[in-house]
Structure formats: structure tokens, C-alpha cells
Amino acid sequence: MHKPAHILSNLPSIGKLLIADGDERLALDPLSGLNKYGCGPLPDPELLAFGSSTASVISIEGFDVANRLRQKLLETIGTQPPTAVYALEIQRIRQEWLQLCELSDLAGLKLIFSSSGTDIHAIATQYTASGASKPPLIIMVEANETGSGVASALIENSVTDTSAVEVVQVSIRLDDGTPRPLSAIDDEVEALVNKAVASDRRVLLILVDQSKTGLIAPSPACVIALHRRFTDNIEVLVDACQFRIGIPTLRAYLEQGFMIALTGSKFLTGPSFSAALLLPLTVAERLKKRTFPRGLLSCSSRAHWPTDWIGAEHMDNAANFGLLLRCEVALEELRRFRAMPQTAVIDFLQTFAQTIRQRLDSDPHFESLPVPQLDRSPLIEANSWDHLQTIFPFLLYHPQSAGRIALSREETLHVYRQLPIALDLGDICAIRCQLGQPVACGTRNGIAVSALRLCLSSRLIVEATTQGDKGITVIKDALLALDKTALLIRSSG
């Protein structure tokens, strides 16, 4: 978790602000000008951006909104204390965020801002551990399907007065990369919960919706049943950091008494490092009775917490204007997406999925990784756009006369890194594109493999549903990205 810098009199440039107060993942490489996610701080409209499961370059519209807010801040911090300006702006964003998500009417709902999804997980973990007599158990899906640093961060940032928490990771894909049967995942989770509760331990059960490769696990049915059986022992955190989730689904999770972690940098394509934690009334009231975790005092800001939150008054009043601008950009992308008719969104998602699946299945350079139908029953019926696939993971292959040979993880990473570069290998390779970073997905014939991910974002969906061509341009761009990927495989073989 990261303590924001104090900005007292002036503001850095918009480009510097958008990457301020993160960690080494936002640092720009001096040669490429890109961060660890392959993104720069400025718009790049020529880039075919299909990597939103990892990160995205800021849009022109998002950049303009951030710049307007920066100008407003420059005018106001000259006459008011920066911390007061910051608190007012954060509260404005909090209110509009809840309005756009149609959650303003939920009595007692709280929203906490933070720099990243990892930090949100740490907040939930520290509160689960607060005042516990025994080390709590944190149950999460395997880290390579959520965030590589989440598990270690939970352990490092969650030492209680007695001992550290225990983190158990549950596999959701088999050794060959195919999805593990959901019943097996649920059985393992249930056994872990039963054992912990029998030992009178608290449990933080993390339900991922969706993972890096588009999976939901454990099943909502399993989590709902466990939460009802062991209400006094279990806290549930829905890891919806991808934000590939509809408004009815958000409400349904909250009505179950589940916390929800969201970020603005995946599906919404805001700059990396903005996150929010939603707490329904029952959870907020329970957590407020626990001792405020000391670890949060030095790494968060008073304005990020609700005004009536017990213990938050002892926090630093720091103004994190970098986070503020990143939240504003995410909010703008959410505004634009929420303005789209859902029928048009669903029609486009169905057409896109059909075209991409056909291409992946028919090209010898690719193998589509299975993504089961997104099933959230009995939580909610599948009648919103979020039951449709928006992340398309696939493996890479060298076609051979004697049979295909999978690219290794190193070879896949090499192809991934060349995608955003205009290469002198013909028209296709001159195209610059971006896919989701490789995710380790088991082995093929003894070769450790990774999957690339072609992803739809809210920005691409808005583009597709407003262009008047029923999304044909977006679909053609996606196919071009796959064309370049295949050509890079051939040129490397």
C-alpha cells in the first residue's frame, strides 16, 4: 500500500500526475517511455487496444477530462487548502460513482477509495484479522488468475497482534490450462471453510468475478451457502477488479452482504492505480466495531474513507491528486458506457464473440482456452450484458507438418512484447496493437505455456455501438491484432 505525496502549492504536468503515487509498476522505462504494463501516460489513438484485462492507454476523452480537472484544481488550491479541495473532489466522485452504479438508494452503503485492487484486498484482510484471537484464513483463487502480488501483499500487510494471516490459494485451471470443474473448486473451498470454522478461526473468502482469463470461482451458489451457514465467521470479498460486471449483479452481491472490490483500470480503461471497496450496511457496521487496523494509518488518506468511519480520523490528511485524476478518468469512461443501450451492447458482444471464437478455432497458430458460460445463479439470472464473454484467452502454436508445437512462455512473452511495435515486416506487422499480458496456463506436451488475452473494454464497446457500423470496425481491428500475432509466430519459427 502506498502513501501519497503531499502536494502543497502546485501540481505536476498532467502526464506526471497520471502516474503519480503508485509503485514501480507505474514507473516509465527511460527508453520506451512505457510502464510495466506497456502503457504510457498520454493517449495513443493509433494503438489497437485489446489488452484491458491488464491495462490500457488513456483515451483522448479521458485525458481531456483529467486535464480539465487539473485546471480546476490549480484554480482552487490557490485559495483553499489542498487537503480540503481534495476531500471535496473525492466526495464528489464517490457520489457520482454510486449514482452511475445505481446504488445511491442502498441505505448505509459505504465506498472506500484506494490506489489499487491489491490495497483493497489488504484492507479487507486487515479488518478480518483485527482483534482476532487466532490467525484468520484467507481463501483466494490462484494468484496468476488474480494478481501476482496479491497473496504476498496480504501476508506482508496483515500482521495482527498475535500472528500473520494464513493465505490458501485454490487452483481454478488444470495442468493443461483447461478450467477445473467448478464442483471440485467448491468442494475444496467448503472443506477449507469447515476446518477453519471448526477451529474458531475467521475466514475471508474471496470470490473472483472475473479472473484474468474470464472465470468466476468459487461459484456464487457455494459462497452464498457458506456465508449463510457461518455468518459470524466468514467475510466475503467479491474480487470484481476487472469491473466486467453489470449493475444488477453489483446490487445482488451487496444485498447478500458481500464486500466488492472494483478498479477503474481494467474494463473501464482508466489509468492504472485506482480502486474502490464497496461495503454493504451489515458489513460496515460489523467492521466499524473492530479496532481500526494500525497498518492502514500510514498508507491511506482520511478523505478516502467515509466521514463517520471510526478510527479514520487518525489518518493522514494527505491529498493524492494522482489518484483523484485517475478516478476521474475511470468515472468518465463509466459515464460513457452507462449511456449505451444494453440491447446494442449485448448484440455487439454476441457478434464479436462469435467472430473471435471462429477465428481462434480455425487458425493453426492458436488454441482457444475454454471459458465456461458465466453462471452467477442463484445470485441473479443471466439477463444482463455481463453474462457474455469479454476476455478471450488463447495459446500460441508453431504449425508443423507433423503436428503443432506450443510456444513456450518465453516465446509467447517475446511475441506479446512485439505487438505494440511497428515492425518492418509488411503491412500487418506495421500495425501496432496490444493484448492482455501472458497468463501461465499449465503445460502442453511438457512445454510450460502462457495464454494471451484478446479483451473487449467499455471503451471499445462504446466505440462499436456509436459508430453506426454495428461494431464492424472494432471486429476488424481485433482480427488484425490476431493477424499480426500469427505473423510474429511465423517469423519467429
Protein backbone atom coordinates (compact mmCIF):
# COMPACT_ATOMS: atom_id res chain seq x y z
CA MET A 1 0.00 0.00 0.00
CA HIS A 2 1.32 3.43 -0.90
CA LYS A 3 1.37 6.68 0.98
CA PRO A 4 0.50 9.62 -1.28
CA ALA A 5 2.84 12.55 -1.68
CA HIS A 6 1.95 15.91 -0.17
CA ILE A 7 1.26 18.47 -2.88
CA LEU A 8 1.03 21.86 -1.23
CA SER A 9 1.20 24.64 -3.75
CA ASN A 10 1.43 23.48 -7.35
CA LEU A 11 0.64 20.48 -9.48
CA PRO A 12 2.89 18.47 -11.81
CA SER A 13 2.07 18.16 -15.50
CA ILE A 14 -0.92 16.04 -16.44
CA GLY A 15 1.36 13.28 -17.71
CA LYS A 16 3.27 13.14 -14.42
CA LEU A 17 0.12 13.34 -12.30
CA LEU A 18 -1.47 10.35 -14.01
CA ILE A 19 1.43 8.13 -12.92
CA ALA A 20 1.99 9.74 -9.51
CA ASP A 21 1.72 7.92 -6.18
CA GLY A 22 1.72 4.37 -7.48
CA ASP A 23 4.64 1.97 -7.20
CA GLU A 24 7.34 0.62 -9.51
CA ARG A 25 4.68 -0.73 -11.87
CA LEU A 26 3.85 2.83 -12.95
CA ALA A 27 7.46 3.93 -13.41
CA LEU A 28 8.26 4.77 -17.05
CA ASP A 29 11.10 2.99 -18.78
CA PRO A 30 13.55 5.71 -19.91
CA LEU A 31 13.95 4.12 -23.36
CA SER A 32 10.39 3.12 -24.27
CA GLY A 33 8.51 5.70 -22.18
CA LEU A 34 6.15 2.90 -21.09
CA ASN A 35 5.35 1.42 -17.69
CA LYS A 36 5.43 -2.25 -16.69
CA TYR A 37 2.02 -2.73 -18.31
CA GLY A 38 3.27 -1.41 -21.65
CA CYS A 39 1.33 1.85 -21.33
CA GLY A 40 2.43 5.48 -21.46
CA PRO A 41 0.69 8.41 -19.71
CA LEU A 42 -0.59 10.03 -22.92
CA PRO A 43 -3.29 8.96 -25.42
CA ASP A 44 -2.19 6.70 -28.27
CA PRO A 45 -5.13 6.58 -30.70
CA GLU A 46 -3.19 4.58 -33.32
CA LEU A 47 -2.80 1.63 -30.96
CA LEU A 48 -5.36 -1.16 -31.41
CA ALA A 49 -6.05 -1.67 -27.70
CA PHE A 50 -7.34 -5.14 -26.78
CA GLY A 51 -5.40 -5.60 -23.54
CA SER A 52 -7.88 -4.27 -20.98
CA SER A 53 -7.61 -7.35 -18.75
CA THR A 54 -4.15 -5.97 -17.91
CA ALA A 55 -4.15 -2.21 -18.53
CA SER A 56 -4.93 0.36 -21.20
CA VAL A 57 -3.50 3.59 -22.53
CA ILE A 58 -5.70 6.54 -21.55
CA SER A 59 -8.29 7.64 -24.11
CA ILE A 60 -8.40 11.13 -25.64
CA GLU A 61 -11.70 11.75 -23.84
CA GLY A 62 -10.25 10.54 -20.55
CA PHE A 63 -7.17 12.69 -20.95
CA ASP A 64 -9.30 15.77 -21.66
CA VAL A 65 -11.40 15.15 -18.54
CA ALA A 66 -8.26 14.73 -16.42
CA ASN A 67 -6.78 17.92 -17.85
CA ARG A 68 -9.96 19.89 -17.08
CA LEU A 69 -9.93 18.65 -13.50
CA ARG A 70 -6.26 19.58 -13.15
CA GLN A 71 -7.07 23.12 -14.32
CA LYS A 72 -9.90 23.31 -11.79
CA LEU A 73 -7.55 22.14 -9.05
CA LEU A 74 -4.96 24.75 -9.99
CA GLU A 75 -7.58 27.46 -9.57
CA THR A 76 -8.95 26.22 -6.26
CA ILE A 77 -5.77 25.22 -4.38
CA GLY A 78 -4.60 28.80 -4.67
CA THR A 79 -7.42 29.94 -2.42
CA GLN A 80 -8.20 26.83 -0.33
CA PRO A 81 -6.06 24.24 1.48
CA PRO A 82 -5.16 21.42 -0.91
CA THR A 83 -6.43 18.80 1.55
CA ALA A 84 -9.84 20.49 1.71
CA VAL A 85 -10.05 20.68 -2.09
CA TYR A 86 -9.04 17.05 -2.33
CA ALA A 87 -11.65 15.90 0.18
CA LEU A 88 -14.43 17.75 -1.68
CA GLU A 89 -13.43 16.31 -5.06
CA ILE A 90 -13.13 12.76 -3.71
CA GLN A 91 -16.59 13.07 -2.16
CA ARG A 92 -17.99 14.31 -5.49
CA ILE A 93 -16.53 11.31 -7.30
CA ARG A 94 -17.83 8.96 -4.57
CA GLN A 95 -21.38 10.29 -5.00
CA GLU A 96 -21.36 10.13 -8.80
CA TRP A 97 -19.79 6.67 -8.78
CA LEU A 98 -22.67 5.39 -6.64
CA GLN A 99 -25.21 7.20 -8.83
CA LEU A 100 -23.84 5.70 -12.06
CA CYS A 101 -23.89 2.25 -10.46
CA GLU A 102 -27.49 2.90 -9.30
CA LEU A 103 -26.52 2.20 -5.69
CA SER A 104 -27.31 5.56 -4.08
CA ASP A 105 -30.56 4.21 -2.62
CA LEU A 106 -28.87 1.39 -0.68
CA ALA A 107 -29.03 2.58 2.93
CA GLY A 108 -25.73 2.53 4.77
CA LEU A 109 -23.61 1.58 1.75
CA LYS A 110 -20.01 2.75 2.14
CA LEU A 111 -17.35 3.35 -0.52
CA ILE A 112 -13.64 3.43 0.33
CA PHE A 113 -11.09 4.59 -2.25
CA SER A 114 -7.60 3.17 -2.57
CA SER A 115 -4.72 3.08 -5.02
CA SER A 116 -5.09 -0.49 -6.25
CA GLY A 117 -7.04 -3.73 -6.08
CA THR A 118 -4.18 -5.23 -4.07
CA ASP A 119 -4.61 -2.49 -1.47
CA ILE A 120 -8.36 -3.14 -1.32
CA HIS A 121 -7.65 -6.82 -0.61
CA ALA A 122 -5.26 -5.74 2.15
CA ILE A 123 -7.93 -3.53 3.76
CA ALA A 124 -10.42 -6.43 3.81
CA THR A 125 -7.75 -8.78 5.18
CA GLN A 126 -6.63 -6.42 7.93
CA TYR A 127 -10.20 -5.92 9.10
CA THR A 128 -10.80 -9.67 9.06
CA ALA A 129 -7.71 -10.03 11.27
CA SER A 130 -8.48 -7.07 13.56
CA GLY A 131 -8.89 -8.30 17.13
CA ALA A 132 -8.90 -11.97 16.11
CA SER A 133 -7.66 -14.39 18.75
CA LYS A 134 -6.41 -16.85 16.13
CA PRO A 135 -4.78 -16.30 12.72
CA PRO A 136 -7.57 -15.81 10.15
CA LEU A 137 -7.70 -17.87 6.97
CA ILE A 138 -7.76 -16.05 3.61
CA ILE A 139 -9.08 -18.21 0.76
CA MET A 140 -8.42 -16.96 -2.76
CA VAL A 141 -8.03 -18.42 -6.24
CA GLU A 142 -4.51 -18.94 -7.61
CA ALA A 143 -2.55 -15.69 -7.80
CA ASN A 144 -1.74 -15.91 -11.53
CA GLU A 145 -5.52 -15.65 -12.20
CA THR A 146 -5.99 -12.56 -9.99
CA GLY A 147 -2.82 -10.62 -9.28
CA SER A 148 0.70 -11.93 -8.93
CA GLY A 149 1.39 -9.76 -5.89
CA VAL A 150 -1.92 -10.12 -4.04
CA ALA A 151 -1.10 -13.16 -1.89
CA SER A 152 2.29 -11.87 -0.75
CA ALA A 153 0.86 -8.40 -0.08
CA LEU A 154 -1.88 -9.87 2.11
CA ILE A 155 0.70 -11.68 4.23
CA GLU A 156 3.13 -8.75 4.41
CA ASN A 157 0.49 -6.13 5.25
CA SER A 158 -1.70 -8.15 7.58
CA VAL A 159 0.26 -8.98 10.70
CA THR A 160 -2.04 -8.92 13.73
CA ASP A 161 -1.19 -8.58 17.39
CA THR A 162 -0.91 -12.38 17.55
CA SER A 163 0.39 -13.66 14.26
CA ALA A 164 0.13 -13.28 10.49
CA VAL A 165 -2.86 -14.46 8.50
CA GLU A 166 -2.76 -17.69 6.52
CA VAL A 167 -3.40 -17.42 2.78
CA VAL A 168 -4.53 -20.51 0.83
CA GLN A 169 -4.72 -20.39 -2.96
CA VAL A 170 -7.18 -22.64 -4.81
CA SER A 171 -6.41 -23.72 -8.38
CA ILE A 172 -9.11 -22.93 -10.94
CA ARG A 173 -7.41 -24.37 -14.03
CA LEU A 174 -5.98 -27.86 -14.55
CA ASP A 175 -2.40 -28.67 -15.53
CA ASP A 176 -3.31 -28.40 -19.23
CA GLY A 177 -4.87 -24.97 -18.74
CA THR A 178 -8.48 -26.08 -19.09
CA PRO A 179 -10.92 -24.94 -16.38
CA ARG A 180 -11.03 -27.10 -13.28
CA PRO A 181 -14.54 -28.46 -12.64
CA LEU A 182 -16.40 -25.90 -10.57
CA SER A 183 -17.71 -28.65 -8.29
CA ALA A 184 -14.12 -29.58 -7.38
CA ILE A 185 -13.27 -25.94 -6.63
CA ASP A 186 -16.37 -25.59 -4.47
CA ASP A 187 -15.63 -28.83 -2.60
CA GLU A 188 -12.09 -27.67 -1.79
CA VAL A 189 -13.30 -24.26 -0.62
CA GLU A 190 -16.03 -25.79 1.53
CA ALA A 191 -13.55 -28.17 3.17
CA LEU A 192 -11.19 -25.27 3.96
CA VAL A 193 -14.01 -23.20 5.45
CA ASN A 194 -15.37 -26.10 7.54
CA LYS A 195 -11.93 -26.81 9.00
CA ALA A 196 -11.27 -23.15 9.82
CA VAL A 197 -14.68 -22.59 11.43
CA ALA A 198 -14.30 -25.77 13.48
CA SER A 199 -11.10 -24.22 14.88
CA ASP A 200 -12.96 -20.96 15.63
CA ARG A 201 -10.99 -19.00 13.05
CA ARG A 202 -12.27 -16.10 11.00
CA VAL A 203 -12.33 -16.57 7.24
CA LEU A 204 -12.06 -14.08 4.39
CA LEU A 205 -13.44 -15.88 1.36
CA ILE A 206 -12.58 -14.15 -1.92
CA LEU A 207 -14.88 -14.86 -4.88
CA VAL A 208 -13.30 -13.73 -8.15
CA ASP A 209 -15.71 -12.32 -10.77
CA GLN A 210 -13.91 -12.37 -13.21
CA SER A 211 -10.36 -13.73 -13.21
CA LYS A 212 -7.63 -12.72 -15.65
CA THR A 213 -8.89 -15.35 -18.10
CA GLY A 214 -12.57 -14.63 -17.55
CA LEU A 215 -13.61 -17.21 -14.94
CA ILE A 216 -15.88 -16.95 -11.89
CA ALA A 217 -14.76 -19.02 -8.89
CA PRO A 218 -15.76 -20.38 -6.48
CA SER A 219 -19.38 -20.50 -7.57
CA PRO A 220 -21.72 -17.86 -6.15
CA ALA A 221 -24.01 -20.70 -5.05
CA CYS A 222 -21.21 -22.20 -2.93
CA VAL A 223 -20.22 -18.87 -1.40
CA ILE A 224 -23.81 -17.85 -0.62
CA ALA A 225 -24.45 -21.18 1.12
CA LEU A 226 -21.26 -20.97 3.20
CA HIS A 227 -21.93 -17.35 4.16
CA ARG A 228 -25.44 -18.23 5.37
CA ARG A 229 -24.15 -21.19 7.40
CA PHE A 230 -21.27 -19.33 9.03
CA THR A 231 -22.34 -15.68 9.06
CA ASP A 232 -20.40 -14.93 12.24
CA ASN A 233 -17.13 -16.43 10.95
CA ILE A 234 -17.00 -15.51 7.26
CA GLU A 235 -16.44 -12.24 5.45
CA VAL A 236 -16.89 -12.42 1.67
CA LEU A 237 -14.97 -10.19 -0.72
CA VAL A 238 -16.04 -10.25 -4.36
CA ASP A 239 -12.95 -9.55 -6.43
CA ALA A 240 -14.61 -7.71 -9.30
CA CYS A 241 -11.46 -5.71 -10.02
CA GLN A 242 -11.90 -6.35 -13.74
CA PHE A 243 -15.23 -4.44 -13.43
CA ARG A 244 -16.78 -6.77 -16.03
CA ILE A 245 -19.97 -6.70 -14.04
CA GLY A 246 -23.42 -5.25 -14.61
CA ILE A 247 -25.37 -3.01 -12.26
CA PRO A 248 -27.94 -5.69 -11.27
CA THR A 249 -25.09 -8.06 -10.39
CA LEU A 250 -23.39 -5.43 -8.23
CA ARG A 251 -26.62 -4.89 -6.30
CA ALA A 252 -27.21 -8.61 -5.91
CA TYR A 253 -23.78 -9.18 -4.36
CA LEU A 254 -24.25 -6.26 -1.96
CA GLU A 255 -27.70 -7.49 -0.96
CA GLN A 256 -26.07 -10.80 0.02
CA GLY A 257 -23.85 -8.89 2.45
CA PHE A 258 -20.68 -9.21 0.36
CA MET A 259 -17.92 -6.62 0.03
CA ILE A 260 -16.95 -5.76 -3.57
CA ALA A 261 -13.54 -4.69 -4.89
CA LEU A 262 -13.53 -2.66 -8.12
CA THR A 263 -10.84 -0.92 -10.15
CA GLY A 264 -11.04 1.69 -12.87
CA SER A 265 -8.11 0.44 -14.92
CA LYS A 266 -9.30 -2.83 -16.48
CA PHE A 267 -12.66 -2.94 -18.28
CA LEU A 268 -13.12 0.82 -17.81
CA THR A 269 -9.63 1.55 -19.28
CA GLY A 270 -8.73 4.30 -16.82
CA PRO A 271 -5.03 4.68 -15.96
CA SER A 272 -3.66 2.02 -13.62
CA PHE A 273 -3.95 2.51 -9.86
CA SER A 274 -7.46 3.50 -8.88
CA ALA A 275 -9.72 1.25 -6.82
CA ALA A 276 -12.83 1.23 -4.66
CA LEU A 277 -14.22 -1.03 -1.95
CA LEU A 278 -18.00 -1.23 -1.53
CA LEU A 279 -19.28 -2.20 1.91
CA PRO A 280 -22.97 -3.01 2.46
CA LEU A 281 -24.55 -1.77 5.69
CA THR A 282 -24.29 -5.05 7.60
CA VAL A 283 -20.57 -5.40 6.85
CA ALA A 284 -19.78 -1.73 7.51
CA GLU A 285 -21.47 -1.81 10.92
CA ARG A 286 -19.64 -5.01 11.88
CA LEU A 287 -16.21 -3.80 10.76
CA LYS A 288 -16.58 -0.39 12.42
CA LYS A 289 -16.89 -2.18 15.77
CA ARG A 290 -13.44 -3.70 15.30
CA THR A 291 -10.23 -1.91 16.12
CA PHE A 292 -9.04 0.23 13.21
CA PRO A 293 -6.01 -1.67 11.79
CA ARG A 294 -2.83 0.22 12.60
CA GLY A 295 -1.35 -0.74 9.24
CA LEU A 296 -3.86 1.49 7.46
CA LEU A 297 -2.88 4.67 9.31
CA SER A 298 0.28 5.32 7.30
CA CYS A 299 -0.80 4.17 3.86
CA SER A 300 -4.20 5.72 3.18
CA SER A 301 -5.80 9.14 3.37
CA ARG A 302 -8.63 10.40 5.55
CA ALA A 303 -10.64 11.54 2.53
CA HIS A 304 -10.71 8.02 1.09
CA TRP A 305 -12.90 6.80 3.96
CA PRO A 306 -16.50 7.63 4.89
CA THR A 307 -16.76 10.65 7.17
CA ASP A 308 -18.30 8.59 10.01
CA TRP A 309 -15.75 5.76 9.91
CA ILE A 310 -14.39 5.10 13.40
CA GLY A 311 -10.60 5.30 13.51
CA ALA A 312 -10.17 7.06 10.18
CA GLU A 313 -9.92 10.41 11.98
CA HIS A 314 -6.39 9.41 12.99
CA MET A 315 -5.27 9.01 9.39
CA ASP A 316 -3.06 11.41 7.50
CA ASN A 317 -5.00 14.11 5.64
CA ALA A 318 -2.79 13.78 2.56
CA ALA A 319 -4.02 14.86 -0.89
CA ASN A 320 -3.32 12.25 -3.58
CA PHE A 321 -4.10 14.22 -6.73
CA GLY A 322 -2.74 11.46 -8.95
CA LEU A 323 -5.34 9.04 -7.62
CA LEU A 324 -8.01 11.73 -7.93
CA LEU A 325 -7.32 12.23 -11.63
CA ARG A 326 -7.20 8.51 -12.31
CA CYS A 327 -10.57 8.08 -10.57
CA GLU A 328 -12.00 10.95 -12.62
CA VAL A 329 -10.89 9.28 -15.87
CA ALA A 330 -12.45 5.96 -14.83
CA LEU A 331 -15.64 7.81 -13.91
CA GLU A 332 -15.78 9.40 -17.36
CA GLU A 333 -15.40 6.00 -19.04
CA LEU A 334 -18.17 4.65 -16.81
CA ARG A 335 -20.41 7.61 -17.73
CA ARG A 336 -19.93 6.88 -21.42
CA PHE A 337 -20.54 3.14 -21.04
CA ARG A 338 -23.66 3.59 -18.92
CA ALA A 339 -25.14 5.79 -21.66
CA MET A 340 -25.15 2.87 -24.13
CA PRO A 341 -28.42 0.94 -24.71
CA GLN A 342 -27.99 -2.53 -23.21
CA THR A 343 -29.63 -4.23 -26.21
CA ALA A 344 -27.00 -2.72 -28.51
CA VAL A 345 -24.22 -3.77 -26.12
CA ILE A 346 -25.49 -7.36 -25.96
CA ASP A 347 -25.91 -7.57 -29.76
CA PHE A 348 -22.34 -6.43 -30.30
CA LEU A 349 -20.86 -8.71 -27.64
CA GLN A 350 -22.58 -11.73 -29.19
CA THR A 351 -21.40 -10.87 -32.71
CA PHE A 352 -17.86 -10.16 -31.53
CA ALA A 353 -17.62 -13.39 -29.55
CA GLN A 354 -18.86 -15.50 -32.44
CA THR A 355 -16.34 -13.96 -34.85
CA ILE A 356 -13.35 -14.22 -32.49
CA ARG A 357 -14.11 -17.81 -31.48
CA GLN A 358 -14.37 -18.84 -35.14
CA ARG A 359 -11.03 -17.21 -35.90
CA LEU A 360 -9.23 -18.75 -32.93
CA ASP A 361 -10.66 -22.20 -33.64
CA SER A 362 -9.80 -22.14 -37.34
CA ASP A 363 -6.22 -20.80 -37.16
CA PRO A 364 -3.47 -23.41 -36.57
CA HIS A 365 -1.40 -20.76 -34.74
CA PHE A 366 -3.96 -20.54 -31.93
CA GLU A 367 -5.79 -22.66 -29.40
CA SER A 368 -8.67 -21.02 -27.61
CA LEU A 369 -8.72 -21.72 -23.87
CA PRO A 370 -12.21 -22.74 -22.75
CA VAL A 371 -14.16 -20.14 -20.79
CA PRO A 372 -17.37 -21.65 -19.38
CA GLN A 373 -20.63 -19.75 -19.58
CA LEU A 374 -20.63 -17.11 -16.86
CA ASP A 375 -23.07 -18.51 -14.31
CA ARG A 376 -23.96 -16.50 -11.21
CA SER A 377 -27.04 -18.46 -10.19
CA PRO A 378 -28.75 -18.40 -7.78
CA LEU A 379 -27.44 -14.87 -7.21
CA ILE A 380 -29.01 -13.46 -10.36
CA GLU A 381 -30.40 -14.56 -13.72
CA ALA A 382 -28.20 -14.22 -16.80
CA ASN A 383 -30.11 -11.38 -18.47
CA SER A 384 -27.54 -8.56 -18.38
CA TRP A 385 -24.57 -7.90 -20.67
CA ASP A 386 -22.16 -9.24 -18.04
CA HIS A 387 -23.08 -12.88 -18.64
CA LEU A 388 -21.36 -12.64 -22.04
CA GLN A 389 -17.67 -13.32 -22.60
CA THR A 390 -15.38 -10.29 -22.95
CA ILE A 391 -11.98 -11.95 -22.30
CA PHE A 392 -10.75 -14.43 -24.91
CA PRO A 393 -7.61 -16.32 -23.75
CA PHE A 394 -5.63 -18.37 -26.26
CA LEU A 395 -2.35 -20.27 -26.58
CA LEU A 396 0.16 -19.84 -29.40
CA TYR A 397 1.49 -22.62 -31.66
CA HIS A 398 4.08 -23.25 -34.35
CA PRO A 399 2.18 -25.15 -37.10
CA GLN A 400 4.25 -28.14 -38.24
CA SER A 401 3.56 -30.83 -40.82
CA ALA A 402 3.98 -33.44 -38.10
CA GLY A 403 1.78 -31.58 -35.63
CA ARG A 404 1.62 -28.30 -33.78
CA ILE A 405 4.23 -27.28 -31.21
CA ALA A 406 3.19 -24.89 -28.46
CA LEU A 407 5.19 -21.73 -27.92
CA SER A 408 6.93 -21.65 -24.55
CA ARG A 409 6.21 -18.94 -22.03
CA GLU A 410 9.38 -17.12 -23.07
CA GLU A 411 8.43 -17.29 -26.76
CA THR A 412 4.90 -16.09 -26.01
CA LEU A 413 6.25 -13.17 -24.00
CA HIS A 414 8.51 -12.24 -26.93
CA VAL A 415 5.53 -12.18 -29.31
CA TYR A 416 3.50 -10.14 -26.80
CA ARG A 417 6.23 -7.51 -26.49
CA GLN A 418 6.46 -7.08 -30.27
CA LEU A 419 2.74 -6.46 -30.78
CA PRO A 420 2.78 -2.71 -29.92
CA ILE A 421 5.85 -2.09 -32.10
CA ALA A 422 5.58 -1.13 -35.79
CA LEU A 423 7.87 -3.67 -37.48
CA ASP A 424 9.29 -3.60 -40.99
CA LEU A 425 7.86 -7.00 -41.93
CA GLY A 426 4.98 -5.97 -44.16
CA ASP A 427 1.71 -4.09 -43.75
CA ILE A 428 0.30 -6.28 -40.98
CA CYS A 429 3.38 -6.01 -38.78
CA ALA A 430 3.39 -2.24 -39.19
CA ILE A 431 0.13 -2.23 -37.22
CA ARG A 432 0.54 -1.51 -33.51
CA CYS A 433 -1.71 -3.45 -31.16
CA GLN A 434 -1.95 -4.61 -27.58
CA LEU A 435 -3.29 -7.77 -25.96
CA GLY A 436 -3.56 -8.80 -22.32
CA GLN A 437 -0.26 -9.89 -20.76
CA PRO A 438 0.54 -13.62 -20.86
CA VAL A 439 -1.01 -15.72 -18.07
CA ALA A 440 0.61 -19.02 -17.10
CA CYS A 441 -1.79 -21.81 -18.11
CA GLY A 442 -0.15 -25.15 -17.44
CA THR A 443 1.73 -27.25 -19.99
CA ARG A 444 1.33 -28.71 -23.47
CA ASN A 445 3.41 -31.83 -24.23
CA GLY A 446 5.85 -30.91 -21.49
CA ILE A 447 6.13 -27.26 -22.57
CA ALA A 448 5.14 -24.65 -19.97
CA VAL A 449 2.72 -22.33 -21.79
CA SER A 450 1.05 -18.96 -21.30
CA ALA A 451 -2.14 -17.56 -22.75
CA LEU A 452 -2.51 -14.17 -24.38
CA ARG A 453 -5.88 -12.47 -23.95
CA LEU A 454 -7.88 -10.53 -26.50
CA CYS A 455 -10.23 -8.33 -24.47
CA LEU A 456 -13.17 -6.05 -25.01
CA SER A 457 -13.27 -2.92 -22.89
CA SER A 458 -16.05 -0.46 -22.13
CA ARG A 459 -14.28 1.97 -24.46
CA LEU A 460 -14.33 -0.46 -27.39
CA ILE A 461 -17.97 -1.31 -26.72
CA VAL A 462 -18.89 2.39 -26.71
CA GLU A 463 -16.97 2.83 -29.97
CA ALA A 464 -18.71 -0.16 -31.54
CA THR A 465 -22.21 0.90 -30.53
CA THR A 466 -21.86 4.53 -31.60
CA GLN A 467 -20.07 4.20 -34.95
CA GLY A 468 -23.11 3.20 -36.95
CA ASP A 469 -21.42 0.15 -38.47
CA LYS A 470 -22.64 -2.30 -35.78
CA GLY A 471 -19.09 -2.71 -34.50
CA ILE A 472 -17.57 -3.93 -37.75
CA THR A 473 -14.54 -1.65 -37.39
CA VAL A 474 -13.79 -2.89 -33.88
CA ILE A 475 -14.13 -6.50 -35.02
CA LYS A 476 -11.81 -5.89 -38.00
CA ASP A 477 -9.26 -4.32 -35.66
CA ALA A 478 -9.41 -7.36 -33.39
CA LEU A 479 -8.83 -9.67 -36.35
CA LEU A 480 -5.87 -7.51 -37.41
CA ALA A 481 -4.38 -7.95 -33.95
CA LEU A 482 -4.70 -11.72 -34.38
CA ASP A 483 -3.22 -11.46 -37.89
CA LYS A 484 -0.13 -9.74 -36.51
CA THR A 485 0.16 -12.28 -33.70
CA ALA A 486 0.13 -15.15 -36.21
CA LEU A 487 2.67 -13.39 -38.44
CA LEU A 488 5.01 -12.85 -35.48
CA ILE A 489 4.76 -16.56 -34.66
CA ARG A 490 5.71 -17.46 -38.24
CA SER A 491 8.60 -15.01 -38.30
CA SER A 492 9.97 -16.39 -35.02
CA GLY A 493 9.77 -20.01 -36.12
